[in-house]
PDB file of N, CA and C in Angstrom:
ATOM      1  N   MET A   1      -3.234  22.736   2.271  1.00  0.00           N
ATOM      2  CA  MET A   1      -3.942  22.813   3.532  1.00  0.00           C
ATOM      3  C   MET A   1      -3.236  21.930   4.552  1.00  0.00           C
ATOM      4  N   ALA A   2      -3.034  22.430   5.703  1.00  0.00           N
ATOM      5  CA  ALA A   2      -2.412  21.663   6.783  1.00  0.00           C
ATOM      6  C   ALA A   2      -3.421  21.497   7.917  1.00  0.00           C
ATOM      7  N   THR A   3      -3.322  20.369   8.577  1.00  0.00           N
ATOM      8  CA  THR A   3      -4.176  20.107   9.732  1.00  0.00           C
ATOM      9  C   THR A   3      -3.298  19.564  10.843  1.00  0.00           C
ATOM     10  N   THR A   4      -3.804  19.510  12.038  1.00  0.00           N
ATOM     11  CA  THR A   4      -3.038  19.050  13.195  1.00  0.00           C
ATOM     12  C   THR A   4      -3.309  17.569  13.442  1.00  0.00           C
ATOM     13  N   LEU A   5      -2.233  16.841  13.761  1.00  0.00           N
ATOM     14  CA  LEU A   5      -2.374  15.421  14.078  1.00  0.00           C
ATOM     15  C   LEU A   5      -3.204  15.232  15.334  1.00  0.00           C
ATOM     16  N   THR A   6      -3.988  14.170  15.339  1.00  0.00           N
ATOM     17  CA  THR A   6      -4.653  13.777  16.580  1.00  0.00           C
ATOM     18  C   THR A   6      -3.607  13.099  17.468  1.00  0.00           C
ATOM     19  N   GLU A   7      -3.917  12.946  18.718  1.00  0.00           N
ATOM     20  CA  GLU A   7      -2.998  12.259  19.630  1.00  0.00           C
ATOM     21  C   GLU A   7      -2.783  10.809  19.179  1.00  0.00           C
ATOM     22  N   GLN A   8      -3.825  10.165  18.710  1.00  0.00           N
ATOM     23  CA  GLN A   8      -3.720   8.783  18.232  1.00  0.00           C
ATOM     24  C   GLN A   8      -2.784   8.701  17.026  1.00  0.00           C
ATOM     25  N   GLN A   9      -2.888   9.647  16.096  1.00  0.00           N
ATOM     26  CA  GLN A   9      -2.011   9.671  14.929  1.00  0.00           C
ATOM     27  C   GLN A   9      -0.565   9.934  15.342  1.00  0.00           C
ATOM     28  N   ARG A  10      -0.380  10.859  16.263  1.00  0.00           N
ATOM     29  CA  ARG A  10       0.967  11.179  16.736  1.00  0.00           C
ATOM     30  C   ARG A  10       1.614   9.971  17.386  1.00  0.00           C
ATOM     31  N   GLN A  11       0.857   9.236  18.199  1.00  0.00           N
ATOM     32  CA  GLN A  11       1.394   8.041  18.847  1.00  0.00           C
ATOM     33  C   GLN A  11       1.722   6.968  17.809  1.00  0.00           C
ATOM     34  N   ALA A  12       0.864   6.806  16.815  1.00  0.00           N
ATOM     35  CA  ALA A  12       1.123   5.809  15.774  1.00  0.00           C
ATOM     36  C   ALA A  12       2.391   6.161  15.005  1.00  0.00           C
ATOM     37  N   LEU A  13       2.590   7.430  14.676  1.00  0.00           N
ATOM     38  CA  LEU A  13       3.810   7.854  13.999  1.00  0.00           C
ATOM     39  C   LEU A  13       5.022   7.647  14.892  1.00  0.00           C
ATOM     40  N   HIS A  14       4.874   7.932  16.180  1.00  0.00           N
ATOM     41  CA  HIS A  14       5.980   7.741  17.122  1.00  0.00           C
ATOM     42  C   HIS A  14       6.434   6.282  17.152  1.00  0.00           C
ATOM     43  N   GLU A  15       5.485   5.365  17.019  1.00  0.00           N
ATOM     44  CA  GLU A  15       5.808   3.938  17.007  1.00  0.00           C
ATOM     45  C   GLU A  15       6.610   3.551  15.769  1.00  0.00           C
ATOM     46  N   THR A  16       6.578   4.369  14.725  1.00  0.00           N
ATOM     47  CA  THR A  16       7.363   4.110  13.511  1.00  0.00           C
ATOM     48  C   THR A  16       8.570   5.037  13.454  1.00  0.00           C
ATOM     49  N   ASP A  17       9.033   5.500  14.612  1.00  0.00           N
ATOM     50  CA  ASP A  17      10.149   6.447  14.700  1.00  0.00           C
ATOM     51  C   ASP A  17       9.844   7.733  13.944  1.00  0.00           C
ATOM     52  N   ASP A  18       8.595   8.130  13.951  1.00  0.00           N
ATOM     53  CA  ASP A  18       8.118   9.365  13.327  1.00  0.00           C
ATOM     54  C   ASP A  18       8.307   9.402  11.822  1.00  0.00           C
ATOM     55  N   ALA A  19       8.616   8.270  11.205  1.00  0.00           N
ATOM     56  CA  ALA A  19       8.823   8.233   9.762  1.00  0.00           C
ATOM     57  C   ALA A  19       7.563   7.766   9.024  1.00  0.00           C
ATOM     58  N   GLY A  20       6.727   6.966   9.677  1.00  0.00           N
ATOM     59  CA  GLY A  20       5.572   6.412   9.004  1.00  0.00           C
ATOM     60  C   GLY A  20       5.992   5.178   8.226  1.00  0.00           C
ATOM     61  N   PRO A  21       5.214   4.620   7.400  1.00  0.00           N
ATOM     62  CA  PRO A  21       3.867   5.075   7.099  1.00  0.00           C
ATOM     63  C   PRO A  21       2.850   4.603   8.133  1.00  0.00           C
ATOM     64  N   VAL A  22       1.824   5.380   8.298  1.00  0.00           N
ATOM     65  CA  VAL A  22       0.707   5.038   9.169  1.00  0.00           C
ATOM     66  C   VAL A  22      -0.556   5.154   8.329  1.00  0.00           C
ATOM     67  N   THR A  23      -1.364   4.118   8.345  1.00  0.00           N
ATOM     68  CA  THR A  23      -2.628   4.147   7.611  1.00  0.00           C
ATOM     69  C   THR A  23      -3.688   4.807   8.481  1.00  0.00           C
ATOM     70  N   VAL A  24      -4.404   5.754   7.888  1.00  0.00           N
ATOM     71  CA  VAL A  24      -5.495   6.457   8.558  1.00  0.00           C
ATOM     72  C   VAL A  24      -6.755   6.194   7.753  1.00  0.00           C
ATOM     73  N   ILE A  25      -7.831   5.842   8.431  1.00  0.00           N
ATOM     74  CA  ILE A  25      -9.089   5.530   7.753  1.00  0.00           C
ATOM     75  C   ILE A  25     -10.122   6.601   8.081  1.00  0.00           C
ATOM     76  N   ASP A  26     -10.750   7.124   7.041  1.00  0.00           N
ATOM     77  CA  ASP A  26     -11.842   8.078   7.204  1.00  0.00           C
ATOM     78  C   ASP A  26     -13.095   7.277   7.532  1.00  0.00           C
ATOM     79  N   PRO A  27     -13.631   7.399   8.740  1.00  0.00           N
ATOM     80  CA  PRO A  27     -14.787   6.576   9.106  1.00  0.00           C
ATOM     81  C   PRO A  27     -16.039   6.880   8.288  1.00  0.00           C
ATOM     82  N   ALA A  28     -16.113   8.051   7.695  1.00  0.00           N
ATOM     83  CA  ALA A  28     -17.297   8.402   6.911  1.00  0.00           C
ATOM     84  C   ALA A  28     -17.303   7.713   5.552  1.00  0.00           C
ATOM     85  N   THR A  29     -16.100   7.488   4.984  1.00  0.00           N
ATOM     86  CA  THR A  29     -16.036   6.920   3.626  1.00  0.00           C
ATOM     87  C   THR A  29     -15.274   5.602   3.560  1.00  0.00           C
ATOM     88  N   ASN A  30     -14.596   5.238   4.640  1.00  0.00           N
ATOM     89  CA  ASN A  30     -13.706   4.081   4.693  1.00  0.00           C
ATOM     90  C   ASN A  30     -12.500   4.228   3.760  1.00  0.00           C
ATOM     91  N   ALA A  31     -12.257   5.430   3.252  1.00  0.00           N
ATOM     92  CA  ALA A  31     -11.071   5.680   2.427  1.00  0.00           C
ATOM     93  C   ALA A  31      -9.838   5.620   3.320  1.00  0.00           C
ATOM     94  N   GLU A  32      -8.773   5.022   2.778  1.00  0.00           N
ATOM     95  CA  GLU A  32      -7.527   4.919   3.528  1.00  0.00           C
ATOM     96  C   GLU A  32      -6.547   5.976   3.032  1.00  0.00           C
ATOM     97  N   TYR A  33      -5.807   6.544   3.971  1.00  0.00           N
ATOM     98  CA  TYR A  33      -4.776   7.528   3.674  1.00  0.00           C
ATOM     99  C   TYR A  33      -3.499   7.087   4.370  1.00  0.00           C
ATOM    100  N   ILE A  34      -2.380   7.537   3.865  1.00  0.00           N
ATOM    101  CA  ILE A  34      -1.090   7.178   4.434  1.00  0.00           C
ATOM    102  C   ILE A  34      -0.420   8.435   4.974  1.00  0.00           C
ATOM    103  N   LEU A  35       0.016   8.381   6.224  1.00  0.00           N
ATOM    104  CA  LEU A  35       0.776   9.470   6.828  1.00  0.00           C
ATOM    105  C   LEU A  35       2.261   9.133   6.771  1.00  0.00           C
ATOM    106  N   VAL A  36       3.039  10.016   6.186  1.00  0.00           N
ATOM    107  CA  VAL A  36       4.497   9.918   6.200  1.00  0.00           C
ATOM    108  C   VAL A  36       5.040  11.325   6.413  1.00  0.00           C
ATOM    109  N   ARG A  37       6.255  11.402   6.935  1.00  0.00           N
ATOM    110  CA  ARG A  37       6.904  12.699   7.105  1.00  0.00           C
ATOM    111  C   ARG A  37       7.054  13.374   5.749  1.00  0.00           C
ATOM    112  N   ALA A  38       6.976  14.690   5.739  1.00  0.00           N
ATOM    113  CA  ALA A  38       7.041  15.457   4.491  1.00  0.00           C
ATOM    114  C   ALA A  38       8.339  15.216   3.736  1.00  0.00           C
ATOM    115  N   ASP A  39       9.465  15.100   4.434  1.00  0.00           N
ATOM    116  CA  ASP A  39      10.734  14.890   3.732  1.00  0.00           C
ATOM    117  C   ASP A  39      10.772  13.522   3.055  1.00  0.00           C
ATOM    118  N   ILE A  40      10.174  12.521   3.680  1.00  0.00           N
ATOM    119  CA  ILE A  40      10.110  11.189   3.079  1.00  0.00           C
ATOM    120  C   ILE A  40       9.169  11.215   1.881  1.00  0.00           C
ATOM    121  N   PHE A  41       8.039  11.898   2.015  1.00  0.00           N
ATOM    122  CA  PHE A  41       7.124  12.032   0.889  1.00  0.00           C
ATOM    123  C   PHE A  41       7.810  12.723  -0.289  1.00  0.00           C
ATOM    124  N   GLY A  42       8.612  13.740  -0.003  1.00  0.00           N
ATOM    125  CA  GLY A  42       9.338  14.433  -1.057  1.00  0.00           C
ATOM    126  C   GLY A  42      10.281  13.502  -1.803  1.00  0.00           C
ATOM    127  N   GLN A  43      10.953  12.621  -1.071  1.00  0.00           N
ATOM    128  CA  GLN A  43      11.840  11.647  -1.709  1.00  0.00           C
ATOM    129  C   GLN A  43      11.040  10.672  -2.572  1.00  0.00           C
ATOM    130  N   LEU A  44       9.924  10.203  -2.044  1.00  0.00           N
ATOM    131  CA  LEU A  44       9.073   9.286  -2.799  1.00  0.00           C
ATOM    132  C   LEU A  44       8.531   9.953  -4.055  1.00  0.00           C
ATOM    133  N   LYS A  45       8.073  11.178  -3.901  1.00  0.00           N
ATOM    134  CA  LYS A  45       7.510  11.905  -5.035  1.00  0.00           C
ATOM    135  C   LYS A  45       8.570  12.102  -6.120  1.00  0.00           C
ATOM    136  N   HIS A  46       9.783  12.444  -5.703  1.00  0.00           N
ATOM    137  CA  HIS A  46      10.875  12.624  -6.660  1.00  0.00           C
ATOM    138  C   HIS A  46      11.157  11.307  -7.390  1.00  0.00           C
ATOM    139  N   TRP A  47      11.198  10.211  -6.647  1.00  0.00           N
ATOM    140  CA  TRP A  47      11.468   8.904  -7.235  1.00  0.00           C
ATOM    141  C   TRP A  47      10.349   8.500  -8.190  1.00  0.00           C
ATOM    142  N   ILE A  48       9.104   8.703  -7.778  1.00  0.00           N
ATOM    143  CA  ILE A  48       7.961   8.328  -8.605  1.00  0.00           C
ATOM    144  C   ILE A  48       7.950   9.131  -9.902  1.00  0.00           C
ATOM    145  N   ASN A  49       8.273  10.410  -9.820  1.00  0.00           N
ATOM    146  CA  ASN A  49       8.279  11.246 -11.020  1.00  0.00           C
ATOM    147  C   ASN A  49       9.397  10.866 -11.981  1.00  0.00           C
ATOM    148  N   ASP A  50      10.476  10.280 -11.477  1.00  0.00           N
ATOM    149  CA  ASP A  50      11.629   9.948 -12.306  1.00  0.00           C
ATOM    150  C   ASP A  50      11.591   8.542 -12.897  1.00  0.00           C
ATOM    151  N   ILE A  51      10.750   7.677 -12.378  1.00  0.00           N
ATOM    152  CA  ILE A  51      10.783   6.281 -12.811  1.00  0.00           C
ATOM    153  C   ILE A  51       9.955   6.090 -14.086  1.00  0.00           C
ATOM    154  N   GLU A  52      10.469   5.252 -14.940  1.00  0.00           N
ATOM    155  CA  GLU A  52       9.716   4.826 -16.114  1.00  0.00           C
ATOM    156  C   GLU A  52       8.811   3.676 -15.676  1.00  0.00           C
ATOM    157  N   PRO A  53       7.556   3.669 -16.095  1.00  0.00           N
ATOM    158  CA  PRO A  53       6.635   2.637 -15.614  1.00  0.00           C
ATOM    159  C   PRO A  53       7.156   1.212 -15.779  1.00  0.00           C
ATOM    160  N   GLN A  54       7.794   0.910 -16.909  1.00  0.00           N
ATOM    161  CA  GLN A  54       8.262  -0.462 -17.118  1.00  0.00           C
ATOM    162  C   GLN A  54       9.353  -0.860 -16.132  1.00  0.00           C
ATOM    163  N   GLU A  55      10.029   0.109 -15.520  1.00  0.00           N
ATOM    164  CA  GLU A  55      11.031  -0.214 -14.505  1.00  0.00           C
ATOM    165  C   GLU A  55      10.389  -0.799 -13.259  1.00  0.00           C
ATOM    166  N   ALA A  56       9.123  -0.504 -13.046  1.00  0.00           N
ATOM    167  CA  ALA A  56       8.416  -0.997 -11.864  1.00  0.00           C
ATOM    168  C   ALA A  56       7.822  -2.382 -12.072  1.00  0.00           C
ATOM    169  N   TYR A  57       7.768  -2.884 -13.315  1.00  0.00           N
ATOM    170  CA  TYR A  57       7.126  -4.164 -13.582  1.00  0.00           C
ATOM    171  C   TYR A  57       7.684  -5.309 -12.739  1.00  0.00           C
ATOM    172  N   PRO A  58       9.021  -5.461 -12.626  1.00  0.00           N
ATOM    173  CA  PRO A  58       9.530  -6.568 -11.798  1.00  0.00           C
ATOM    174  C   PRO A  58       9.099  -6.458 -10.334  1.00  0.00           C
ATOM    175  N   LEU A  59       9.063  -5.232  -9.809  1.00  0.00           N
ATOM    176  CA  LEU A  59       8.636  -5.047  -8.430  1.00  0.00           C
ATOM    177  C   LEU A  59       7.165  -5.406  -8.265  1.00  0.00           C
ATOM    178  N   VAL A  60       6.331  -4.987  -9.198  1.00  0.00           N
ATOM    179  CA  VAL A  60       4.907  -5.311  -9.146  1.00  0.00           C
ATOM    180  C   VAL A  60       4.713  -6.825  -9.238  1.00  0.00           C
ATOM    181  N   ASP A  61       5.457  -7.485 -10.131  1.00  0.00           N
ATOM    182  CA  ASP A  61       5.370  -8.941 -10.244  1.00  0.00           C
ATOM    183  C   ASP A  61       5.728  -9.627  -8.926  1.00  0.00           C
ATOM    184  N   GLN A  62       6.782  -9.137  -8.259  1.00  0.00           N
ATOM    185  CA  GLN A  62       7.211  -9.729  -6.989  1.00  0.00           C
ATOM    186  C   GLN A  62       6.158  -9.507  -5.901  1.00  0.00           C
ATOM    187  N   ILE A  63       5.609  -8.318  -5.839  1.00  0.00           N
ATOM    188  CA  ILE A  63       4.583  -8.019  -4.836  1.00  0.00           C
ATOM    189  C   ILE A  63       3.356  -8.904  -5.066  1.00  0.00           C
ATOM    190  N   MET A  64       2.959  -9.046  -6.329  1.00  0.00           N
ATOM    191  CA  MET A  64       1.799  -9.890  -6.628  1.00  0.00           C
ATOM    192  C   MET A  64       2.077 -11.353  -6.299  1.00  0.00           C
ATOM    193  N   ALA A  65       3.285 -11.830  -6.583  1.00  0.00           N
ATOM    194  CA  ALA A  65       3.645 -13.217  -6.270  1.00  0.00           C
ATOM    195  C   ALA A  65       3.636 -13.438  -4.764  1.00  0.00           C
ATOM    196  N   ASP A  66       4.174 -12.474  -4.012  1.00  0.00           N
ATOM    197  CA  ASP A  66       4.162 -12.581  -2.547  1.00  0.00           C
ATOM    198  C   ASP A  66       2.736 -12.591  -2.021  1.00  0.00           C
ATOM    199  N   ASP A  67       1.892 -11.741  -2.580  1.00  0.00           N
ATOM    200  CA  ASP A  67       0.501 -11.679  -2.156  1.00  0.00           C
ATOM    201  C   ASP A  67      -0.213 -12.995  -2.480  1.00  0.00           C
ATOM    202  N   ASP A  68       0.013 -13.512  -3.688  1.00  0.00           N
ATOM    203  CA  ASP A  68      -0.605 -14.789  -4.076  1.00  0.00           C
ATOM    204  C   ASP A  68      -0.145 -15.926  -3.172  1.00  0.00           C
ATOM    205  N   ALA A  69       1.126 -15.906  -2.783  1.00  0.00           N
ATOM    206  CA  ALA A  69       1.670 -16.983  -1.951  1.00  0.00           C
ATOM    207  C   ALA A  69       1.010 -17.033  -0.575  1.00  0.00           C
ATOM    208  N   HIS A  70       0.473 -15.908  -0.130  1.00  0.00           N
ATOM    209  CA  HIS A  70      -0.146 -15.846   1.198  1.00  0.00           C
ATOM    210  C   HIS A  70      -1.668 -15.736   1.130  1.00  0.00           C
ATOM    211  N   ASP A  71      -2.234 -16.016  -0.036  1.00  0.00           N
ATOM    212  CA  ASP A  71      -3.680 -15.931  -0.205  1.00  0.00           C
ATOM    213  C   ASP A  71      -4.291 -17.320  -0.059  1.00  0.00           C
ATOM    214  N   PRO A  72      -4.962 -17.577   1.061  1.00  0.00           N
ATOM    215  CA  PRO A  72      -5.506 -18.920   1.278  1.00  0.00           C
ATOM    216  C   PRO A  72      -6.661 -19.271   0.344  1.00  0.00           C
ATOM    217  N   THR A  73      -7.224 -18.290  -0.332  1.00  0.00           N
ATOM    218  CA  THR A  73      -8.359 -18.570  -1.210  1.00  0.00           C
ATOM    219  C   THR A  73      -7.973 -18.650  -2.686  1.00  0.00           C
ATOM    220  N   LEU A  74      -6.706 -18.389  -3.011  1.00  0.00           N
ATOM    221  CA  LEU A  74      -6.287 -18.365  -4.409  1.00  0.00           C
ATOM    222  C   LEU A  74      -6.541 -19.692  -5.115  1.00  0.00           C
ATOM    223  N   ALA A  75      -6.223 -20.791  -4.469  1.00  0.00           N
ATOM    224  CA  ALA A  75      -6.411 -22.104  -5.098  1.00  0.00           C
ATOM    225  C   ALA A  75      -7.876 -22.332  -5.453  1.00  0.00           C
ATOM    226  N   SER A  76      -8.786 -21.901  -4.596  1.00  0.00           N
ATOM    227  CA  SER A  76     -10.208 -22.097  -4.895  1.00  0.00           C
ATOM    228  C   SER A  76     -10.638 -21.260  -6.094  1.00  0.00           C
ATOM    229  N   TYR A  77     -10.080 -20.058  -6.245  1.00  0.00           N
ATOM    230  CA  TYR A  77     -10.378 -19.250  -7.431  1.00  0.00           C
ATOM    231  C   TYR A  77      -9.882 -19.949  -8.685  1.00  0.00           C
ATOM    232  N   GLN A  78      -8.675 -20.458  -8.617  1.00  0.00           N
ATOM    233  CA  GLN A  78      -8.098 -21.125  -9.781  1.00  0.00           C
ATOM    234  C   GLN A  78      -8.872 -22.388 -10.127  1.00  0.00           C
ATOM    235  N   ASP A  79      -9.247 -23.169  -9.110  1.00  0.00           N
ATOM    236  CA  ASP A  79     -10.036 -24.376  -9.353  1.00  0.00           C
ATOM    237  C   ASP A  79     -11.372 -24.035  -9.995  1.00  0.00           C
ATOM    238  N   ASN A  80     -12.001 -22.967  -9.541  1.00  0.00           N
ATOM    239  CA  ASN A  80     -13.293 -22.557 -10.077  1.00  0.00           C
ATOM    240  C   ASN A  80     -13.150 -22.151 -11.534  1.00  0.00           C
ATOM    241  N   ASN A  81     -12.101 -21.415 -11.881  1.00  0.00           N
ATOM    242  CA  ASN A  81     -11.888 -21.016 -13.265  1.00  0.00           C
ATOM    243  C   ASN A  81     -11.592 -22.223 -14.158  1.00  0.00           C
ATOM    244  N   LEU A  82     -10.844 -23.185 -13.655  1.00  0.00           N
ATOM    245  CA  LEU A  82     -10.541 -24.384 -14.441  1.00  0.00           C
ATOM    246  C   LEU A  82     -11.800 -25.181 -14.733  1.00  0.00           C
ATOM    247  N   SER A  83     -12.676 -25.274 -13.733  1.00  0.00           N
ATOM    248  CA  SER A  83     -13.900 -26.070 -13.920  1.00  0.00           C
ATOM    249  C   SER A  83     -14.859 -25.394 -14.897  1.00  0.00           C
ATOM    250  N   ARG A  84     -14.743 -24.065 -15.039  1.00  0.00           N
ATOM    251  CA  ARG A  84     -15.587 -23.353 -15.989  1.00  0.00           C
ATOM    252  C   ARG A  84     -14.905 -23.173 -17.337  1.00  0.00           C
ATOM    253  N   GLY A  85     -13.641 -23.575 -17.428  1.00  0.00           N
ATOM    254  CA  GLY A  85     -12.909 -23.459 -18.674  1.00  0.00           C
ATOM    255  C   GLY A  85     -12.488 -22.037 -18.986  1.00  0.00           C
ATOM    256  N   THR A  86     -12.300 -21.194 -17.949  1.00  0.00           N
ATOM    257  CA  THR A  86     -11.952 -19.795 -18.186  1.00  0.00           C
ATOM    258  C   THR A  86     -10.513 -19.488 -17.809  1.00  0.00           C
ATOM    259  N   ALA A  87      -9.757 -20.474 -17.437  1.00  0.00           N
ATOM    260  CA  ALA A  87      -8.372 -20.194 -17.032  1.00  0.00           C
ATOM    261  C   ALA A  87      -7.427 -20.314 -18.206  1.00  0.00           C
TER     262      ALA A  87
END
């Protein structure tokens, strides 16, 4: 099924040189969707289908480490777990 971009979506894609990604939120469900050009999606889909899951582990570890490094509440979670003896 194909649908037509709204003007807001078209402008957002234009700001990314029409390549995307652009996050779109469904206001009825708050579900997030990603808009990317079909040719880029095809490349991603091909790559995803070809990768072995364990090949992605280092990338996932790096993304999680980067996310943890910028999480201002992480230390409080860790302190709370230590005080309860669950860490």
